[in-house]
Amino acid sequence: MSSLSRKALAELKLLAQPEMISTAKRTASSLGSLVGFSLEDIDELNIAVAQACDSAIVAGREAWGDEATLKLTFWSTDKGMEVEVQAVQPRATQLPTRQAVKRPPVVHDENLDRIANEMIRCFVDDFRSALGPNRVRFKLVKYLIG
């Protein structure tokens, strides 16, 4: 999936909260413009990034609660842009930012995951997801056309 020549553009760490998706989209828009994407390509990238963030937030909060971290890494490649969206387990040494609230257990819906992943695939050229014990990872690749 990765191009031979990959240049780091940005790394963004946010609370895994839905309110942070707009920050991720703004970053993707700015970097997509920098790489040379058309407005349509930027819109498609934004949709895919927003959906990947939403899926990562749900999985991260399901696994680690409200203290999960959302980490986005952006690279430019010879052919376009690669974005990695991760939900990362909070460090044990971090102090809680909020009072612990007892929440009912989340019922995981694999059908919703499948639909979300298919939606992302509609807007990027390559997409992969991976679940691990300490992180949930989504990789998106959008190619420049021309």
N, C-alpha and C. Protein backbone atom coordinates (compact mmCIF):
# COMPACT_ATOMS: atom_id res chain seq x y z
N MET A 1 0.82 -1.18 0.00
CA MET A 1 0.00 0.00 0.00
C MET A 1 0.86 1.25 0.00
N SER A 2 1.98 1.25 0.68
CA SER A 2 2.82 2.44 0.78
C SER A 2 3.63 2.64 -0.48
N SER A 3 3.79 3.87 -0.87
CA SER A 3 4.62 4.21 -2.00
C SER A 3 6.08 4.12 -1.58
N LEU A 4 6.98 3.96 -2.55
CA LEU A 4 8.40 3.89 -2.23
C LEU A 4 8.88 5.18 -1.59
N SER A 5 8.39 6.31 -2.06
CA SER A 5 8.81 7.60 -1.52
C SER A 5 7.66 8.19 -0.69
N ARG A 6 7.87 8.23 0.61
CA ARG A 6 6.83 8.71 1.52
C ARG A 6 7.42 9.80 2.39
N LYS A 7 6.76 10.96 2.43
CA LYS A 7 7.23 12.09 3.22
C LYS A 7 6.19 12.44 4.28
N ALA A 8 6.64 12.48 5.53
CA ALA A 8 5.73 12.82 6.62
C ALA A 8 5.25 14.26 6.47
N LEU A 9 3.95 14.45 6.59
CA LEU A 9 3.37 15.80 6.53
C LEU A 9 2.94 16.29 7.90
N ALA A 10 2.27 15.44 8.66
CA ALA A 10 1.76 15.88 9.97
C ALA A 10 1.35 14.68 10.81
N GLU A 11 1.37 14.90 12.12
CA GLU A 11 0.83 13.93 13.07
C GLU A 11 -0.07 14.71 14.02
N LEU A 12 -1.24 14.18 14.25
CA LEU A 12 -2.24 14.86 15.05
C LEU A 12 -2.74 13.91 16.13
N LYS A 13 -2.69 14.34 17.38
CA LYS A 13 -3.21 13.53 18.49
C LYS A 13 -4.34 14.30 19.15
N LEU A 14 -5.48 13.63 19.28
CA LEU A 14 -6.69 14.24 19.81
C LEU A 14 -7.36 13.29 20.78
N LEU A 15 -8.21 13.83 21.65
CA LEU A 15 -9.06 12.96 22.44
C LEU A 15 -9.97 12.19 21.49
N ALA A 16 -10.22 10.95 21.77
CA ALA A 16 -11.11 10.15 20.93
C ALA A 16 -12.55 10.52 21.25
N GLN A 17 -12.94 11.70 20.81
CA GLN A 17 -14.27 12.25 21.03
C GLN A 17 -14.84 12.70 19.68
N PRO A 18 -16.12 12.50 19.43
CA PRO A 18 -16.71 12.90 18.15
C PRO A 18 -16.49 14.37 17.80
N GLU A 19 -16.41 15.23 18.81
CA GLU A 19 -16.22 16.67 18.55
C GLU A 19 -14.89 16.96 17.87
N MET A 20 -13.96 16.03 17.91
CA MET A 20 -12.63 16.24 17.34
C MET A 20 -12.55 15.89 15.86
N ILE A 21 -13.59 15.29 15.32
CA ILE A 21 -13.56 14.90 13.91
C ILE A 21 -13.39 16.11 13.00
N SER A 22 -13.99 17.24 13.35
CA SER A 22 -13.86 18.44 12.49
C SER A 22 -12.40 18.90 12.42
N THR A 23 -11.64 18.74 13.49
CA THR A 23 -10.22 19.10 13.46
C THR A 23 -9.46 18.18 12.51
N ALA A 24 -9.78 16.90 12.54
CA ALA A 24 -9.14 15.94 11.64
C ALA A 24 -9.48 16.27 10.18
N LYS A 25 -10.73 16.63 9.91
CA LYS A 25 -11.15 16.97 8.55
C LYS A 25 -10.45 18.23 8.05
N ARG A 26 -10.32 19.23 8.91
CA ARG A 26 -9.64 20.47 8.51
C ARG A 26 -8.18 20.19 8.16
N THR A 27 -7.56 19.35 8.95
CA THR A 27 -6.17 18.99 8.68
C THR A 27 -6.06 18.25 7.36
N ALA A 28 -6.95 17.29 7.13
CA ALA A 28 -6.94 16.53 5.87
C ALA A 28 -7.17 17.46 4.68
N SER A 29 -8.07 18.42 4.80
CA SER A 29 -8.34 19.38 3.72
C SER A 29 -7.10 20.19 3.39
N SER A 30 -6.48 20.73 4.42
CA SER A 30 -5.30 21.57 4.21
C SER A 30 -4.17 20.79 3.56
N LEU A 31 -3.93 19.59 4.06
CA LEU A 31 -2.84 18.78 3.51
C LEU A 31 -3.18 18.24 2.13
N GLY A 32 -4.44 17.91 1.89
CA GLY A 32 -4.86 17.48 0.56
C GLY A 32 -4.64 18.57 -0.47
N SER A 33 -4.92 19.80 -0.10
CA SER A 33 -4.67 20.94 -0.98
C SER A 33 -3.18 21.10 -1.25
N LEU A 34 -2.39 20.94 -0.20
CA LEU A 34 -0.94 21.05 -0.32
C LEU A 34 -0.37 20.01 -1.28
N VAL A 35 -0.93 18.81 -1.25
CA VAL A 35 -0.46 17.72 -2.10
C VAL A 35 -0.91 17.93 -3.55
N GLY A 36 -2.00 18.67 -3.75
CA GLY A 36 -2.47 18.96 -5.11
C GLY A 36 -3.79 18.32 -5.48
N PHE A 37 -4.56 17.88 -4.51
CA PHE A 37 -5.86 17.29 -4.79
C PHE A 37 -6.84 18.35 -5.28
N SER A 38 -7.76 17.93 -6.14
CA SER A 38 -8.86 18.80 -6.58
C SER A 38 -9.85 18.95 -5.42
N LEU A 39 -10.78 19.89 -5.57
CA LEU A 39 -11.81 20.07 -4.53
C LEU A 39 -12.63 18.80 -4.33
N GLU A 40 -12.94 18.12 -5.42
CA GLU A 40 -13.70 16.87 -5.32
C GLU A 40 -12.90 15.81 -4.57
N ASP A 41 -11.60 15.71 -4.87
CA ASP A 41 -10.75 14.74 -4.16
C ASP A 41 -10.65 15.08 -2.67
N ILE A 42 -10.56 16.37 -2.36
CA ILE A 42 -10.50 16.80 -0.96
C ILE A 42 -11.80 16.44 -0.24
N ASP A 43 -12.94 16.67 -0.90
CA ASP A 43 -14.22 16.29 -0.30
C ASP A 43 -14.28 14.78 -0.02
N GLU A 44 -13.83 13.99 -0.98
CA GLU A 44 -13.84 12.54 -0.80
C GLU A 44 -12.90 12.12 0.33
N LEU A 45 -11.73 12.75 0.39
CA LEU A 45 -10.78 12.46 1.47
C LEU A 45 -11.40 12.80 2.82
N ASN A 46 -12.08 13.95 2.89
CA ASN A 46 -12.72 14.36 4.14
C ASN A 46 -13.78 13.37 4.60
N ILE A 47 -14.58 12.88 3.67
CA ILE A 47 -15.61 11.90 4.02
C ILE A 47 -14.96 10.64 4.58
N ALA A 48 -13.93 10.16 3.90
CA ALA A 48 -13.25 8.94 4.35
C ALA A 48 -12.57 9.14 5.70
N VAL A 49 -11.90 10.28 5.89
CA VAL A 49 -11.23 10.55 7.16
C VAL A 49 -12.26 10.66 8.29
N ALA A 50 -13.36 11.35 8.03
CA ALA A 50 -14.40 11.49 9.06
C ALA A 50 -14.96 10.12 9.46
N GLN A 51 -15.22 9.27 8.48
CA GLN A 51 -15.77 7.94 8.79
C GLN A 51 -14.74 7.08 9.52
N ALA A 52 -13.47 7.15 9.09
CA ALA A 52 -12.42 6.38 9.78
C ALA A 52 -12.26 6.87 11.21
N CYS A 53 -12.31 8.19 11.41
CA CYS A 53 -12.22 8.74 12.77
C CYS A 53 -13.39 8.27 13.62
N ASP A 54 -14.59 8.33 13.06
CA ASP A 54 -15.77 7.89 13.81
C ASP A 54 -15.65 6.42 14.21
N SER A 55 -15.23 5.58 13.27
CA SER A 55 -15.07 4.16 13.57
C SER A 55 -13.98 3.93 14.62
N ALA A 56 -12.87 4.66 14.51
CA ALA A 56 -11.78 4.53 15.48
C ALA A 56 -12.21 5.01 16.86
N ILE A 57 -12.97 6.09 16.90
CA ILE A 57 -13.46 6.63 18.18
C ILE A 57 -14.37 5.61 18.86
N VAL A 58 -15.31 5.05 18.11
CA VAL A 58 -16.22 4.05 18.68
C VAL A 58 -15.43 2.86 19.21
N ALA A 59 -14.51 2.34 18.40
CA ALA A 59 -13.72 1.17 18.82
C ALA A 59 -12.83 1.51 20.01
N GLY A 60 -12.21 2.68 19.98
CA GLY A 60 -11.32 3.08 21.08
C GLY A 60 -12.07 3.28 22.38
N ARG A 61 -13.20 3.94 22.32
CA ARG A 61 -13.99 4.17 23.54
C ARG A 61 -14.59 2.86 24.05
N GLU A 62 -14.93 1.97 23.13
CA GLU A 62 -15.45 0.66 23.52
C GLU A 62 -14.36 -0.13 24.26
N ALA A 63 -13.12 -0.03 23.78
CA ALA A 63 -12.02 -0.80 24.37
C ALA A 63 -11.45 -0.15 25.63
N TRP A 64 -11.30 1.18 25.62
CA TRP A 64 -10.54 1.85 26.68
C TRP A 64 -11.29 2.98 27.37
N GLY A 65 -12.52 3.23 27.01
CA GLY A 65 -13.28 4.27 27.67
C GLY A 65 -13.01 5.65 27.08
N ASP A 66 -13.44 6.66 27.80
CA ASP A 66 -13.38 8.04 27.32
C ASP A 66 -11.96 8.60 27.23
N GLU A 67 -10.98 7.91 27.77
CA GLU A 67 -9.61 8.42 27.75
C GLU A 67 -8.81 7.96 26.54
N ALA A 68 -9.41 7.21 25.63
CA ALA A 68 -8.70 6.77 24.43
C ALA A 68 -8.23 7.98 23.63
N THR A 69 -7.16 7.79 22.89
CA THR A 69 -6.57 8.85 22.07
C THR A 69 -6.78 8.53 20.60
N LEU A 70 -7.06 9.55 19.82
CA LEU A 70 -7.17 9.44 18.37
C LEU A 70 -5.88 10.01 17.79
N LYS A 71 -5.19 9.21 16.99
CA LYS A 71 -3.93 9.65 16.39
C LYS A 71 -4.04 9.54 14.87
N LEU A 72 -3.78 10.66 14.19
CA LEU A 72 -3.79 10.67 12.73
C LEU A 72 -2.39 11.02 12.24
N THR A 73 -1.91 10.28 11.26
CA THR A 73 -0.62 10.56 10.65
C THR A 73 -0.85 10.70 9.15
N PHE A 74 -0.28 11.76 8.58
CA PHE A 74 -0.46 12.07 7.16
C PHE A 74 0.90 12.03 6.46
N TRP A 75 0.95 11.36 5.30
CA TRP A 75 2.16 11.33 4.48
C TRP A 75 1.79 11.71 3.06
N SER A 76 2.71 12.41 2.38
CA SER A 76 2.57 12.57 0.94
C SER A 76 3.38 11.45 0.30
N THR A 77 2.90 10.97 -0.83
CA THR A 77 3.60 9.92 -1.57
C THR A 77 3.78 10.40 -3.00
N ASP A 78 4.51 9.62 -3.78
CA ASP A 78 4.70 9.97 -5.19
C ASP A 78 3.36 10.04 -5.92
N LYS A 79 2.38 9.28 -5.43
CA LYS A 79 1.10 9.18 -6.13
C LYS A 79 -0.04 9.91 -5.46
N GLY A 80 0.17 10.45 -4.25
CA GLY A 80 -0.93 11.12 -3.56
C GLY A 80 -0.68 11.27 -2.08
N MET A 81 -1.62 10.77 -1.27
CA MET A 81 -1.53 10.92 0.18
C MET A 81 -1.96 9.63 0.87
N GLU A 82 -1.26 9.35 1.97
CA GLU A 82 -1.61 8.22 2.83
C GLU A 82 -1.97 8.79 4.20
N VAL A 83 -3.05 8.28 4.76
CA VAL A 83 -3.51 8.72 6.09
C VAL A 83 -3.69 7.48 6.96
N GLU A 84 -3.15 7.55 8.15
CA GLU A 84 -3.36 6.48 9.13
C GLU A 84 -4.16 7.07 10.28
N VAL A 85 -5.27 6.44 10.60
CA VAL A 85 -6.13 6.86 11.70
C VAL A 85 -6.10 5.75 12.74
N GLN A 86 -5.74 6.10 13.97
CA GLN A 86 -5.64 5.09 15.02
C GLN A 86 -6.38 5.54 16.28
N ALA A 87 -6.98 4.60 16.94
CA ALA A 87 -7.42 4.80 18.32
C ALA A 87 -6.38 4.09 19.16
N VAL A 88 -5.82 4.80 20.12
CA VAL A 88 -4.71 4.27 20.89
C VAL A 88 -5.10 4.18 22.35
N GLN A 89 -4.67 3.10 22.99
CA GLN A 89 -4.92 2.90 24.41
C GLN A 89 -4.28 4.03 25.20
N PRO A 90 -4.98 4.58 26.18
CA PRO A 90 -4.37 5.64 26.99
C PRO A 90 -3.23 5.08 27.82
N ARG A 91 -2.27 5.93 28.09
CA ARG A 91 -1.15 5.52 28.94
C ARG A 91 -1.64 5.36 30.37
N ALA A 92 -1.09 4.39 31.05
CA ALA A 92 -1.50 4.13 32.43
C ALA A 92 -1.11 5.28 33.35
N THR A 93 -0.09 6.07 32.95
CA THR A 93 0.37 7.16 33.81
C THR A 93 -0.44 8.43 33.62
N GLN A 94 -1.31 8.47 32.61
CA GLN A 94 -2.11 9.67 32.39
C GLN A 94 -3.13 9.83 33.51
N LEU A 95 -3.33 11.06 33.90
CA LEU A 95 -4.38 11.36 34.87
C LEU A 95 -5.70 11.45 34.13
N PRO A 96 -6.75 10.94 34.70
CA PRO A 96 -8.04 11.05 34.02
C PRO A 96 -8.45 12.51 33.87
N THR A 97 -9.00 12.85 32.72
CA THR A 97 -9.44 14.22 32.48
C THR A 97 -10.88 14.42 32.92
N ARG A 98 -11.59 13.35 33.15
CA ARG A 98 -12.98 13.44 33.56
C ARG A 98 -13.23 12.43 34.67
N GLN A 99 -14.27 12.68 35.41
CA GLN A 99 -14.68 11.71 36.43
C GLN A 99 -15.15 10.44 35.74
N ALA A 100 -14.77 9.32 36.29
CA ALA A 100 -15.20 8.05 35.73
C ALA A 100 -16.72 7.94 35.85
N VAL A 101 -17.35 7.60 34.77
CA VAL A 101 -18.80 7.46 34.74
C VAL A 101 -19.11 6.02 34.37
N LYS A 102 -19.97 5.39 35.14
CA LYS A 102 -20.38 4.02 34.81
C LYS A 102 -21.31 4.09 33.60
N ARG A 103 -20.88 3.42 32.53
CA ARG A 103 -21.69 3.39 31.32
C ARG A 103 -22.16 1.97 31.08
N PRO A 104 -23.31 1.84 30.46
CA PRO A 104 -23.75 0.48 30.13
C PRO A 104 -22.80 -0.12 29.09
N PRO A 105 -22.64 -1.43 29.09
CA PRO A 105 -21.74 -2.04 28.11
C PRO A 105 -22.22 -1.75 26.69
N VAL A 106 -21.26 -1.55 25.81
CA VAL A 106 -21.57 -1.27 24.41
C VAL A 106 -21.73 -2.60 23.68
N VAL A 107 -22.79 -2.72 22.93
CA VAL A 107 -23.00 -3.91 22.12
C VAL A 107 -22.38 -3.64 20.77
N HIS A 108 -21.37 -4.42 20.45
CA HIS A 108 -20.64 -4.21 19.20
C HIS A 108 -21.47 -4.72 18.03
N ASP A 109 -21.58 -3.91 16.99
CA ASP A 109 -22.36 -4.28 15.81
C ASP A 109 -21.43 -4.43 14.61
N GLU A 110 -21.08 -5.67 14.29
CA GLU A 110 -20.16 -5.93 13.18
C GLU A 110 -20.75 -5.51 11.84
N ASN A 111 -22.06 -5.54 11.71
CA ASN A 111 -22.70 -5.11 10.47
C ASN A 111 -22.47 -3.62 10.23
N LEU A 112 -22.55 -2.81 11.30
CA LEU A 112 -22.26 -1.38 11.16
C LEU A 112 -20.81 -1.14 10.78
N ASP A 113 -19.89 -1.93 11.35
CA ASP A 113 -18.47 -1.82 10.99
C ASP A 113 -18.28 -2.10 9.50
N ARG A 114 -18.92 -3.15 9.01
CA ARG A 114 -18.79 -3.52 7.60
C ARG A 114 -19.31 -2.40 6.70
N ILE A 115 -20.45 -1.83 7.05
CA ILE A 115 -21.02 -0.74 6.26
C ILE A 115 -20.10 0.48 6.29
N ALA A 116 -19.57 0.82 7.46
CA ALA A 116 -18.65 1.96 7.58
C ALA A 116 -17.41 1.74 6.72
N ASN A 117 -16.85 0.53 6.76
CA ASN A 117 -15.66 0.24 5.96
C ASN A 117 -15.95 0.31 4.47
N GLU A 118 -17.10 -0.19 4.06
CA GLU A 118 -17.48 -0.11 2.64
C GLU A 118 -17.65 1.34 2.20
N MET A 119 -18.19 2.17 3.08
CA MET A 119 -18.35 3.59 2.75
C MET A 119 -16.98 4.24 2.55
N ILE A 120 -16.04 3.95 3.43
CA ILE A 120 -14.70 4.51 3.28
C ILE A 120 -14.11 4.09 1.94
N ARG A 121 -14.26 2.81 1.59
CA ARG A 121 -13.71 2.30 0.32
C ARG A 121 -14.27 3.04 -0.90
N CYS A 122 -15.46 3.60 -0.78
CA CYS A 122 -16.05 4.36 -1.89
C CYS A 122 -15.30 5.65 -2.19
N PHE A 123 -14.57 6.17 -1.21
CA PHE A 123 -13.98 7.50 -1.34
C PHE A 123 -12.46 7.53 -1.39
N VAL A 124 -11.81 6.39 -1.18
CA VAL A 124 -10.35 6.34 -1.28
C VAL A 124 -9.97 5.21 -2.22
N ASP A 125 -8.70 5.21 -2.63
CA ASP A 125 -8.24 4.21 -3.59
C ASP A 125 -7.76 2.92 -2.93
N ASP A 126 -7.35 3.00 -1.68
CA ASP A 126 -6.92 1.82 -0.95
C ASP A 126 -7.29 2.02 0.52
N PHE A 127 -7.76 0.96 1.15
CA PHE A 127 -8.19 1.05 2.55
C PHE A 127 -7.93 -0.27 3.24
N ARG A 128 -7.36 -0.19 4.44
CA ARG A 128 -7.13 -1.38 5.25
C ARG A 128 -7.39 -1.05 6.71
N SER A 129 -7.87 -2.04 7.44
CA SER A 129 -8.09 -1.85 8.87
C SER A 129 -7.42 -2.99 9.62
N ALA A 130 -7.01 -2.70 10.85
CA ALA A 130 -6.38 -3.71 11.70
C ALA A 130 -6.76 -3.44 13.14
N LEU A 131 -7.08 -4.50 13.85
CA LEU A 131 -7.40 -4.39 15.27
C LEU A 131 -6.32 -5.09 16.06
N GLY A 132 -5.81 -4.42 17.08
CA GLY A 132 -4.80 -5.01 17.94
C GLY A 132 -5.15 -4.78 19.39
N PRO A 133 -4.35 -5.34 20.30
CA PRO A 133 -4.67 -5.21 21.72
C PRO A 133 -4.54 -3.78 22.25
N ASN A 134 -3.67 -2.97 21.66
CA ASN A 134 -3.44 -1.62 22.17
C ASN A 134 -3.83 -0.53 21.19
N ARG A 135 -4.34 -0.90 20.03
CA ARG A 135 -4.72 0.11 19.04
C ARG A 135 -5.67 -0.46 17.99
N VAL A 136 -6.40 0.46 17.40
CA VAL A 136 -7.26 0.18 16.26
C VAL A 136 -6.72 1.06 15.14
N ARG A 137 -6.44 0.49 13.97
CA ARG A 137 -5.77 1.25 12.92
C ARG A 137 -6.52 1.16 11.60
N PHE A 138 -6.64 2.31 10.93
CA PHE A 138 -7.21 2.39 9.59
C PHE A 138 -6.19 3.10 8.71
N LYS A 139 -5.88 2.52 7.55
CA LYS A 139 -4.99 3.16 6.59
C LYS A 139 -5.79 3.48 5.34
N LEU A 140 -5.68 4.74 4.91
CA LEU A 140 -6.39 5.22 3.73
C LEU A 140 -5.35 5.75 2.75
N VAL A 141 -5.52 5.46 1.48
CA VAL A 141 -4.65 6.02 0.45
C VAL A 141 -5.53 6.65 -0.62
N LYS A 142 -5.21 7.89 -0.96
CA LYS A 142 -5.92 8.62 -2.02
C LYS A 142 -4.88 9.02 -3.05
N TYR A 143 -5.10 8.66 -4.31
CA TYR A 143 -4.14 8.96 -5.37
C TYR A 143 -4.50 10.24 -6.11
N LEU A 144 -3.46 10.92 -6.55
CA LEU A 144 -3.63 12.06 -7.45
C LEU A 144 -3.99 11.51 -8.81
N ILE A 145 -4.92 12.14 -9.48
CA ILE A 145 -5.28 11.72 -10.83
C ILE A 145 -4.64 12.70 -11.79
N GLY A 146 -3.95 12.18 -12.78
CA GLY A 146 -3.34 13.10 -13.72
C GLY A 146 -2.21 12.48 -14.33
